[in-house]
Amino acid sequence: MAKRLVTEADVAARATRDPLVVDDDTIVTPSALDLAHARGIPVVYQGKRGQAPVPEKGSGTVSAKPETEPDPFSQDGLYLVRIEKGRRTVIRLGG
């Protein structure tokens, strides 16, 4: 199956703030993620990507959290995101 690419232009063309759904067949450019965050568009990860570890509040470390926890990107701050072999690791560096 072909991958779907979401670019900054795709995010800029969105008329609503409906969530941007990223599944295992979607590639989102870093600039598209930046613009989505700046415009308050939630990014929802599904499939294997949605099972990646998320950071604890302000800890700078990574730990697994239940799916009931709020989106780690809902708080302002500086984040480091690493994607390796389709797995996302997010580390919150500060507020």
PDB file of N, CA and C in Angstrom:
ATOM      1  N   MET A   1       0.841  -1.182   0.000  1.00  0.00           N
ATOM      2  CA  MET A   1       0.000   0.000   0.000  1.00  0.00           C
ATOM      3  C   MET A   1       0.889   1.248   0.000  1.00  0.00           C
ATOM      4  N   ALA A   2       0.477   2.264  -0.724  1.00  0.00           N
ATOM      5  CA  ALA A   2       1.244   3.503  -0.816  1.00  0.00           C
ATOM      6  C   ALA A   2       1.067   4.334   0.452  1.00  0.00           C
ATOM      7  N   LYS A   3       2.121   5.017   0.819  1.00  0.00           N
ATOM      8  CA  LYS A   3       2.070   5.913   1.975  1.00  0.00           C
ATOM      9  C   LYS A   3       1.419   7.232   1.561  1.00  0.00           C
ATOM     10  N   ARG A   4       0.775   7.888   2.516  1.00  0.00           N
ATOM     11  CA  ARG A   4       0.174   9.204   2.296  1.00  0.00           C
ATOM     12  C   ARG A   4       1.093  10.235   2.922  1.00  0.00           C
ATOM     13  N   LEU A   5       1.433  11.295   2.174  1.00  0.00           N
ATOM     14  CA  LEU A   5       2.319  12.340   2.660  1.00  0.00           C
ATOM     15  C   LEU A   5       1.502  13.582   2.989  1.00  0.00           C
ATOM     16  N   VAL A   6       1.667  14.112   4.213  1.00  0.00           N
ATOM     17  CA  VAL A   6       1.008  15.351   4.628  1.00  0.00           C
ATOM     18  C   VAL A   6       2.085  16.411   4.772  1.00  0.00           C
ATOM     19  N   THR A   7       1.954  17.489   4.007  1.00  0.00           N
ATOM     20  CA  THR A   7       2.949  18.554   4.013  1.00  0.00           C
ATOM     21  C   THR A   7       2.394  19.808   4.692  1.00  0.00           C
ATOM     22  N   GLU A   8       3.261  20.793   4.856  1.00  0.00           N
ATOM     23  CA  GLU A   8       2.848  22.072   5.433  1.00  0.00           C
ATOM     24  C   GLU A   8       1.731  22.702   4.596  1.00  0.00           C
ATOM     25  N   ALA A   9       1.820  22.575   3.281  1.00  0.00           N
ATOM     26  CA  ALA A   9       0.783  23.128   2.398  1.00  0.00           C
ATOM     27  C   ALA A   9      -0.566  22.448   2.649  1.00  0.00           C
ATOM     28  N   ASP A  10      -0.557  21.147   2.925  1.00  0.00           N
ATOM     29  CA  ASP A  10      -1.804  20.438   3.224  1.00  0.00           C
ATOM     30  C   ASP A  10      -2.439  20.969   4.499  1.00  0.00           C
ATOM     31  N   VAL A  11      -1.633  21.218   5.507  1.00  0.00           N
ATOM     32  CA  VAL A  11      -2.152  21.745   6.778  1.00  0.00           C
ATOM     33  C   VAL A  11      -2.648  23.174   6.587  1.00  0.00           C
ATOM     34  N   ALA A  12      -1.911  23.971   5.815  1.00  0.00           N
ATOM     35  CA  ALA A  12      -2.308  25.361   5.563  1.00  0.00           C
ATOM     36  C   ALA A  12      -3.638  25.437   4.816  1.00  0.00           C
ATOM     37  N   ALA A  13      -3.924  24.443   3.985  1.00  0.00           N
ATOM     38  CA  ALA A  13      -5.156  24.438   3.190  1.00  0.00           C
ATOM     39  C   ALA A  13      -6.377  23.969   3.974  1.00  0.00           C
ATOM     40  N   ARG A  14      -6.180  23.455   5.182  1.00  0.00           N
ATOM     41  CA  ARG A  14      -7.311  22.960   5.983  1.00  0.00           C
ATOM     42  C   ARG A  14      -8.207  24.117   6.394  1.00  0.00           C
ATOM     43  N   ALA A  15      -9.511  23.935   6.224  1.00  0.00           N
ATOM     44  CA  ALA A  15     -10.475  24.977   6.568  1.00  0.00           C
ATOM     45  C   ALA A  15     -10.945  24.852   8.012  1.00  0.00           C
ATOM     46  N   THR A  16     -10.722  23.695   8.621  1.00  0.00           N
ATOM     47  CA  THR A  16     -11.189  23.472   9.991  1.00  0.00           C
ATOM     48  C   THR A  16     -10.031  23.056  10.881  1.00  0.00           C
ATOM     49  N   ARG A  17     -10.320  22.968  12.168  1.00  0.00           N
ATOM     50  CA  ARG A  17      -9.326  22.486  13.130  1.00  0.00           C
ATOM     51  C   ARG A  17      -9.599  21.045  13.538  1.00  0.00           C
ATOM     52  N   ASP A  18     -10.215  20.293  12.619  1.00  0.00           N
ATOM     53  CA  ASP A  18     -10.440  18.869  12.871  1.00  0.00           C
ATOM     54  C   ASP A  18      -9.094  18.188  13.055  1.00  0.00           C
ATOM     55  N   PRO A  19      -9.043  17.156  13.873  1.00  0.00           N
ATOM     56  CA  PRO A  19      -7.770  16.474  14.131  1.00  0.00           C
ATOM     57  C   PRO A  19      -7.122  15.937  12.853  1.00  0.00           C
ATOM     58  N   LEU A  20      -5.824  16.004  12.823  1.00  0.00           N
ATOM     59  CA  LEU A  20      -5.026  15.406  11.761  1.00  0.00           C
ATOM     60  C   LEU A  20      -4.719  13.982  12.204  1.00  0.00           C
ATOM     61  N   VAL A  21      -5.277  13.008  11.505  1.00  0.00           N
ATOM     62  CA  VAL A  21      -5.119  11.604  11.891  1.00  0.00           C
ATOM     63  C   VAL A  21      -3.913  11.028  11.163  1.00  0.00           C
ATOM     64  N   VAL A  22      -2.967  10.497  11.948  1.00  0.00           N
ATOM     65  CA  VAL A  22      -1.734   9.925  11.406  1.00  0.00           C
ATOM     66  C   VAL A  22      -1.740   8.438  11.733  1.00  0.00           C
ATOM     67  N   ASP A  23      -1.871   7.623  10.680  1.00  0.00           N
ATOM     68  CA  ASP A  23      -1.839   6.183  10.890  1.00  0.00           C
ATOM     69  C   ASP A  23      -0.516   5.625  10.369  1.00  0.00           C
ATOM     70  N   ASP A  24      -0.409   4.315  10.327  1.00  0.00           N
ATOM     71  CA  ASP A  24       0.840   3.681   9.920  1.00  0.00           C
ATOM     72  C   ASP A  24       1.187   3.918   8.455  1.00  0.00           C
ATOM     73  N   ASP A  25       0.212   4.347   7.652  1.00  0.00           N
ATOM     74  CA  ASP A  25       0.442   4.607   6.239  1.00  0.00           C
ATOM     75  C   ASP A  25       0.537   6.098   5.932  1.00  0.00           C
ATOM     76  N   THR A  26       0.751   6.917   6.946  1.00  0.00           N
ATOM     77  CA  THR A  26       0.832   8.370   6.770  1.00  0.00           C
ATOM     78  C   THR A  26       2.189   8.873   7.217  1.00  0.00           C
ATOM     79  N   ILE A  27       2.775   9.732   6.391  1.00  0.00           N
ATOM     80  CA  ILE A  27       4.029  10.411   6.733  1.00  0.00           C
ATOM     81  C   ILE A  27       3.705  11.900   6.818  1.00  0.00           C
ATOM     82  N   VAL A  28       4.073  12.529   7.934  1.00  0.00           N
ATOM     83  CA  VAL A  28       3.820  13.954   8.124  1.00  0.00           C
ATOM     84  C   VAL A  28       5.171  14.650   8.240  1.00  0.00           C
ATOM     85  N   THR A  29       5.366  15.697   7.442  1.00  0.00           N
ATOM     86  CA  THR A  29       6.632  16.418   7.492  1.00  0.00           C
ATOM     87  C   THR A  29       6.727  17.202   8.801  1.00  0.00           C
ATOM     88  N   PRO A  30       7.945  17.451   9.272  1.00  0.00           N
ATOM     89  CA  PRO A  30       8.100  18.238  10.495  1.00  0.00           C
ATOM     90  C   PRO A  30       7.456  19.628  10.398  1.00  0.00           C
ATOM     91  N   SER A  31       7.560  20.272   9.237  1.00  0.00           N
ATOM     92  CA  SER A  31       6.954  21.600   9.096  1.00  0.00           C
ATOM     93  C   SER A  31       5.425  21.518   9.157  1.00  0.00           C
ATOM     94  N   ALA A  32       4.852  20.413   8.680  1.00  0.00           N
ATOM     95  CA  ALA A  32       3.394  20.229   8.783  1.00  0.00           C
ATOM     96  C   ALA A  32       2.980  20.080  10.243  1.00  0.00           C
ATOM     97  N   LEU A  33       3.760  19.329  11.020  1.00  0.00           N
ATOM     98  CA  LEU A  33       3.466  19.184  12.453  1.00  0.00           C
ATOM     99  C   LEU A  33       3.595  20.517  13.178  1.00  0.00           C
ATOM    100  N   ASP A  34       4.626  21.303  12.829  1.00  0.00           N
ATOM    101  CA  ASP A  34       4.813  22.618  13.446  1.00  0.00           C
ATOM    102  C   ASP A  34       3.613  23.523  13.180  1.00  0.00           C
ATOM    103  N   LEU A  35       3.160  23.556  11.924  1.00  0.00           N
ATOM    104  CA  LEU A  35       2.030  24.409  11.570  1.00  0.00           C
ATOM    105  C   LEU A  35       0.744  23.927  12.240  1.00  0.00           C
ATOM    106  N   ALA A  36       0.547  22.618  12.288  1.00  0.00           N
ATOM    107  CA  ALA A  36      -0.644  22.080  12.964  1.00  0.00           C
ATOM    108  C   ALA A  36      -0.653  22.518  14.431  1.00  0.00           C
ATOM    109  N   HIS A  37       0.496  22.415  15.088  1.00  0.00           N
ATOM    110  CA  HIS A  37       0.581  22.843  16.493  1.00  0.00           C
ATOM    111  C   HIS A  37       0.299  24.334  16.617  1.00  0.00           C
ATOM    112  N   ALA A  38       0.887  25.141  15.740  1.00  0.00           N
ATOM    113  CA  ALA A  38       0.706  26.596  15.799  1.00  0.00           C
ATOM    114  C   ALA A  38      -0.757  26.985  15.583  1.00  0.00           C
ATOM    115  N   ARG A  39      -1.475  26.219  14.782  1.00  0.00           N
ATOM    116  CA  ARG A  39      -2.878  26.526  14.498  1.00  0.00           C
ATOM    117  C   ARG A  39      -3.845  25.823  15.438  1.00  0.00           C
ATOM    118  N   GLY A  40      -3.331  25.080  16.397  1.00  0.00           N
ATOM    119  CA  GLY A  40      -4.193  24.403  17.362  1.00  0.00           C
ATOM    120  C   GLY A  40      -4.903  23.194  16.791  1.00  0.00           C
ATOM    121  N   ILE A  41      -4.320  22.587  15.764  1.00  0.00           N
ATOM    122  CA  ILE A  41      -4.917  21.396  15.152  1.00  0.00           C
ATOM    123  C   ILE A  41      -4.356  20.170  15.863  1.00  0.00           C
ATOM    124  N   PRO A  42      -5.200  19.383  16.513  1.00  0.00           N
ATOM    125  CA  PRO A  42      -4.704  18.191  17.204  1.00  0.00           C
ATOM    126  C   PRO A  42      -4.162  17.165  16.203  1.00  0.00           C
ATOM    127  N   VAL A  43      -3.093  16.490  16.587  1.00  0.00           N
ATOM    128  CA  VAL A  43      -2.536  15.407  15.781  1.00  0.00           C
ATOM    129  C   VAL A  43      -2.810  14.113  16.546  1.00  0.00           C
ATOM    130  N   VAL A  44      -3.549  13.210  15.925  1.00  0.00           N
ATOM    131  CA  VAL A  44      -3.961  11.963  16.561  1.00  0.00           C
ATOM    132  C   VAL A  44      -3.229  10.815  15.876  1.00  0.00           C
ATOM    133  N   TYR A  45      -2.462  10.070  16.659  1.00  0.00           N
ATOM    134  CA  TYR A  45      -1.713   8.940  16.135  1.00  0.00           C
ATOM    135  C   TYR A  45      -2.510   7.663  16.363  1.00  0.00           C
ATOM    136  N   GLN A  46      -2.650   6.861  15.296  1.00  0.00           N
ATOM    137  CA  GLN A  46      -3.376   5.600  15.380  1.00  0.00           C
ATOM    138  C   GLN A  46      -2.470   4.470  14.932  1.00  0.00           C
ATOM    139  N   GLY A  47      -2.902   3.259  15.188  1.00  0.00           N
ATOM    140  CA  GLY A  47      -2.111   2.094  14.795  1.00  0.00           C
ATOM    141  C   GLY A  47      -0.914   1.923  15.708  1.00  0.00           C
ATOM    142  N   LYS A  48       0.175   1.414  15.175  1.00  0.00           N
ATOM    143  CA  LYS A  48       1.377   1.180  15.974  1.00  0.00           C
ATOM    144  C   LYS A  48       1.946   2.481  16.507  1.00  0.00           C
ATOM    145  N   ARG A  49       1.797   3.575  15.763  1.00  0.00           N
ATOM    146  CA  ARG A  49       2.340   4.863  16.216  1.00  0.00           C
ATOM    147  C   ARG A  49       1.642   5.351  17.484  1.00  0.00           C
ATOM    148  N   GLY A  50       0.371   5.028  17.634  1.00  0.00           N
ATOM    149  CA  GLY A  50      -0.373   5.454  18.808  1.00  0.00           C
ATOM    150  C   GLY A  50      -0.001   4.695  20.064  1.00  0.00           C
ATOM    151  N   GLN A  51       0.828   3.663  19.934  1.00  0.00           N
ATOM    152  CA  GLN A  51       1.229   2.856  21.078  1.00  0.00           C
ATOM    153  C   GLN A  51       2.622   3.209  21.577  1.00  0.00           C
ATOM    154  N   ALA A  52       3.237   4.243  21.016  1.00  0.00           N
ATOM    155  CA  ALA A  52       4.597   4.626  21.410  1.00  0.00           C
ATOM    156  C   ALA A  52       4.593   5.266  22.793  1.00  0.00           C
ATOM    157  N   PRO A  53       5.719   5.213  23.502  1.00  0.00           N
ATOM    158  CA  PRO A  53       5.814   5.843  24.823  1.00  0.00           C
ATOM    159  C   PRO A  53       5.632   7.354  24.734  1.00  0.00           C
ATOM    160  N   VAL A  54       5.053   7.924  25.788  1.00  0.00           N
ATOM    161  CA  VAL A  54       4.890   9.371  25.884  1.00  0.00           C
ATOM    162  C   VAL A  54       5.548   9.845  27.175  1.00  0.00           C
ATOM    163  N   PRO A  55       5.959  11.125  27.238  1.00  0.00           N
ATOM    164  CA  PRO A  55       6.685  11.596  28.411  1.00  0.00           C
ATOM    165  C   PRO A  55       5.786  11.816  29.622  1.00  0.00           C
ATOM    166  N   GLU A  56       6.385  11.689  30.814  1.00  0.00           N
ATOM    167  CA  GLU A  56       5.706  12.117  32.027  1.00  0.00           C
ATOM    168  C   GLU A  56       5.838  13.624  32.111  1.00  0.00           C
ATOM    169  N   LYS A  57       4.915  14.274  32.792  1.00  0.00           N
ATOM    170  CA  LYS A  57       4.922  15.729  32.871  1.00  0.00           C
ATOM    171  C   LYS A  57       6.243  16.258  33.419  1.00  0.00           C
ATOM    172  N   GLY A  58       6.926  17.077  32.604  1.00  0.00           N
ATOM    173  CA  GLY A  58       8.113  17.787  33.041  1.00  0.00           C
ATOM    174  C   GLY A  58       9.295  16.947  33.448  1.00  0.00           C
ATOM    175  N   SER A  59       9.254  15.648  33.213  1.00  0.00           N
ATOM    176  CA  SER A  59      10.322  14.800  33.725  1.00  0.00           C
ATOM    177  C   SER A  59      11.519  14.719  32.803  1.00  0.00           C
ATOM    178  N   GLY A  60      11.279  14.929  31.494  1.00  0.00           N
ATOM    179  CA  GLY A  60      12.371  14.764  30.548  1.00  0.00           C
ATOM    180  C   GLY A  60      12.699  13.309  30.285  1.00  0.00           C
ATOM    181  N   THR A  61      11.921  12.385  30.853  1.00  0.00           N
ATOM    182  CA  THR A  61      12.132  10.963  30.620  1.00  0.00           C
ATOM    183  C   THR A  61      10.927  10.392  29.896  1.00  0.00           C
ATOM    184  N   VAL A  62      11.080   9.218  29.353  1.00  0.00           N
ATOM    185  CA  VAL A  62       9.999   8.588  28.606  1.00  0.00           C
ATOM    186  C   VAL A  62       9.471   7.404  29.393  1.00  0.00           C
ATOM    187  N   SER A  63       8.148   7.296  29.446  1.00  0.00           N
ATOM    188  CA  SER A  63       7.527   6.148  30.089  1.00  0.00           C
ATOM    189  C   SER A  63       6.219   5.846  29.377  1.00  0.00           C
ATOM    190  N   ALA A  64       5.763   4.629  29.481  1.00  0.00           N
ATOM    191  CA  ALA A  64       4.498   4.254  28.861  1.00  0.00           C
ATOM    192  C   ALA A  64       3.351   4.786  29.707  1.00  0.00           C
ATOM    193  N   LYS A  65       2.325   5.313  29.056  1.00  0.00           N
ATOM    194  CA  LYS A  65       1.164   5.844  29.749  1.00  0.00           C
ATOM    195  C   LYS A  65      -0.090   5.198  29.201  1.00  0.00           C
ATOM    196  N   PRO A  66      -1.121   5.031  30.008  1.00  0.00           N
ATOM    197  CA  PRO A  66      -2.378   4.503  29.498  1.00  0.00           C
ATOM    198  C   PRO A  66      -2.987   5.469  28.489  1.00  0.00           C
ATOM    199  N   GLU A  67      -3.842   4.952  27.613  1.00  0.00           N
ATOM    200  CA  GLU A  67      -4.448   5.773  26.575  1.00  0.00           C
ATOM    201  C   GLU A  67      -5.380   6.833  27.124  1.00  0.00           C
ATOM    202  N   THR A  68      -5.742   6.773  28.404  1.00  0.00           N
ATOM    203  CA  THR A  68      -6.648   7.757  28.988  1.00  0.00           C
ATOM    204  C   THR A  68      -5.936   9.061  29.338  1.00  0.00           C
ATOM    205  N   GLU A  69      -4.612   9.089  29.274  1.00  0.00           N
ATOM    206  CA  GLU A  69      -3.858  10.298  29.589  1.00  0.00           C
ATOM    207  C   GLU A  69      -4.073  11.337  28.491  1.00  0.00           C
ATOM    208  N   PRO A  70      -4.023  12.641  28.837  1.00  0.00           N
ATOM    209  CA  PRO A  70      -4.186  13.670  27.815  1.00  0.00           C
ATOM    210  C   PRO A  70      -3.009  13.664  26.835  1.00  0.00           C
ATOM    211  N   ASP A  71      -3.234  14.249  25.681  1.00  0.00           N
ATOM    212  CA  ASP A  71      -2.200  14.359  24.658  1.00  0.00           C
ATOM    213  C   ASP A  71      -0.994  15.102  25.236  1.00  0.00           C
ATOM    214  N   PRO A  72       0.216  14.533  25.142  1.00  0.00           N
ATOM    215  CA  PRO A  72       1.385  15.204  25.725  1.00  0.00           C
ATOM    216  C   PRO A  72       1.679  16.538  25.055  1.00  0.00           C
ATOM    217  N   PHE A  73       1.215  16.732  23.822  1.00  0.00           N
ATOM    218  CA  PHE A  73       1.471  17.984  23.123  1.00  0.00           C
ATOM    219  C   PHE A  73       0.452  19.063  23.462  1.00  0.00           C
ATOM    220  N   SER A  74      -0.477  18.790  24.378  1.00  0.00           N
ATOM    221  CA  SER A  74      -1.470  19.791  24.735  1.00  0.00           C
ATOM    222  C   SER A  74      -0.872  20.866  25.643  1.00  0.00           C
ATOM    223  N   GLN A  75       0.330  20.632  26.150  1.00  0.00           N
ATOM    224  CA  GLN A  75       1.018  21.609  26.994  1.00  0.00           C
ATOM    225  C   GLN A  75       2.107  22.295  26.184  1.00  0.00           C
ATOM    226  N   ASP A  76       2.254  23.608  26.384  1.00  0.00           N
ATOM    227  CA  ASP A  76       3.340  24.316  25.734  1.00  0.00           C
ATOM    228  C   ASP A  76       4.661  23.783  26.263  1.00  0.00           C
ATOM    229  N   GLY A  77       5.644  23.770  25.433  1.00  0.00           N
ATOM    230  CA  GLY A  77       6.956  23.309  25.863  1.00  0.00           C
ATOM    231  C   GLY A  77       7.816  22.953  24.671  1.00  0.00           C
ATOM    232  N   LEU A  78       9.009  22.565  24.976  1.00  0.00           N
ATOM    233  CA  LEU A  78       9.970  22.155  23.966  1.00  0.00           C
ATOM    234  C   LEU A  78      10.046  20.639  23.993  1.00  0.00           C
ATOM    235  N   TYR A  79       9.793  19.996  22.850  1.00  0.00           N
ATOM    236  CA  TYR A  79       9.760  18.545  22.769  1.00  0.00           C
ATOM    237  C   TYR A  79      10.809  18.044  21.777  1.00  0.00           C
ATOM    238  N   LEU A  80      11.361  16.902  22.070  1.00  0.00           N
ATOM    239  CA  LEU A  80      12.239  16.199  21.151  1.00  0.00           C
ATOM    240  C   LEU A  80      11.472  14.960  20.706  1.00  0.00           C
ATOM    241  N   VAL A  81      11.310  14.796  19.394  1.00  0.00           N
ATOM    242  CA  VAL A  81      10.583  13.649  18.855  1.00  0.00           C
ATOM    243  C   VAL A  81      11.535  12.862  17.977  1.00  0.00           C
ATOM    244  N   ARG A  82      11.639  11.570  18.252  1.00  0.00           N
ATOM    245  CA  ARG A  82      12.483  10.691  17.451  1.00  0.00           C
ATOM    246  C   ARG A  82      11.604   9.577  16.901  1.00  0.00           C
ATOM    247  N   ILE A  83      11.728   9.331  15.605  1.00  0.00           N
ATOM    248  CA  ILE A  83      10.988   8.241  14.982  1.00  0.00           C
ATOM    249  C   ILE A  83      12.008   7.269  14.421  1.00  0.00           C
ATOM    250  N   GLU A  84      11.944   6.044  14.918  1.00  0.00           N
ATOM    251  CA  GLU A  84      12.878   5.012  14.493  1.00  0.00           C
ATOM    252  C   GLU A  84      12.096   3.728  14.272  1.00  0.00           C
ATOM    253  N   LYS A  85      12.217   3.191  13.076  1.00  0.00           N
ATOM    254  CA  LYS A  85      11.521   1.954  12.703  1.00  0.00           C
ATOM    255  C   LYS A  85      10.022   2.070  12.954  1.00  0.00           C
ATOM    256  N   GLY A  86       9.464   3.250  12.647  1.00  0.00           N
ATOM    257  CA  GLY A  86       8.026   3.459  12.789  1.00  0.00           C
ATOM    258  C   GLY A  86       7.548   3.708  14.204  1.00  0.00           C
ATOM    259  N   ARG A  87       8.447   3.787  15.172  1.00  0.00           N
ATOM    260  CA  ARG A  87       8.069   4.033  16.576  1.00  0.00           C
ATOM    261  C   ARG A  87       8.421   5.459  16.945  1.00  0.00           C
ATOM    262  N   ARG A  88       7.519   6.115  17.645  1.00  0.00           N
ATOM    263  CA  ARG A  88       7.711   7.497  18.062  1.00  0.00           C
ATOM    264  C   ARG A  88       8.130   7.532  19.519  1.00  0.00           C
ATOM    265  N   THR A  89       9.171   8.278  19.807  1.00  0.00           N
ATOM    266  CA  THR A  89       9.600   8.520  21.182  1.00  0.00           C
ATOM    267  C   THR A  89       9.560  10.039  21.386  1.00  0.00           C
ATOM    268  N   VAL A  90       8.853  10.490  22.430  1.00  0.00           N
ATOM    269  CA  VAL A  90       8.699  11.900  22.698  1.00  0.00           C
ATOM    270  C   VAL A  90       9.307  12.222  24.059  1.00  0.00           C
ATOM    271  N   ILE A  91      10.148  13.243  24.092  1.00  0.00           N
ATOM    272  CA  ILE A  91      10.756  13.672  25.359  1.00  0.00           C
ATOM    273  C   ILE A  91      10.458  15.161  25.527  1.00  0.00           C
ATOM    274  N   ARG A  92       9.860  15.521  26.640  1.00  0.00           N
ATOM    275  CA  ARG A  92       9.581  16.931  26.929  1.00  0.00           C
ATOM    276  C   ARG A  92      10.807  17.515  27.595  1.00  0.00           C
ATOM    277  N   LEU A  93      11.391  18.518  26.939  1.00  0.00           N
ATOM    278  CA  LEU A  93      12.618  19.111  27.441  1.00  0.00           C
ATOM    279  C   LEU A  93      12.367  20.244  28.429  1.00  0.00           C
ATOM    280  N   GLY A  94      11.243  20.914  28.313  1.00  0.00           N
ATOM    281  CA  GLY A  94      10.955  21.998  29.239  1.00  0.00           C
ATOM    282  C   GLY A  94       9.685  22.716  28.874  1.00  0.00           C
ATOM    283  N   GLY A  95       9.259  23.651  29.740  1.00  0.00           N
ATOM    284  CA  GLY A  95       8.006  24.364  29.525  1.00  0.00           C
ATOM    285  C   GLY A  95       8.215  25.748  29.019  1.00  0.00           C
TER     286      GLY A  95
END
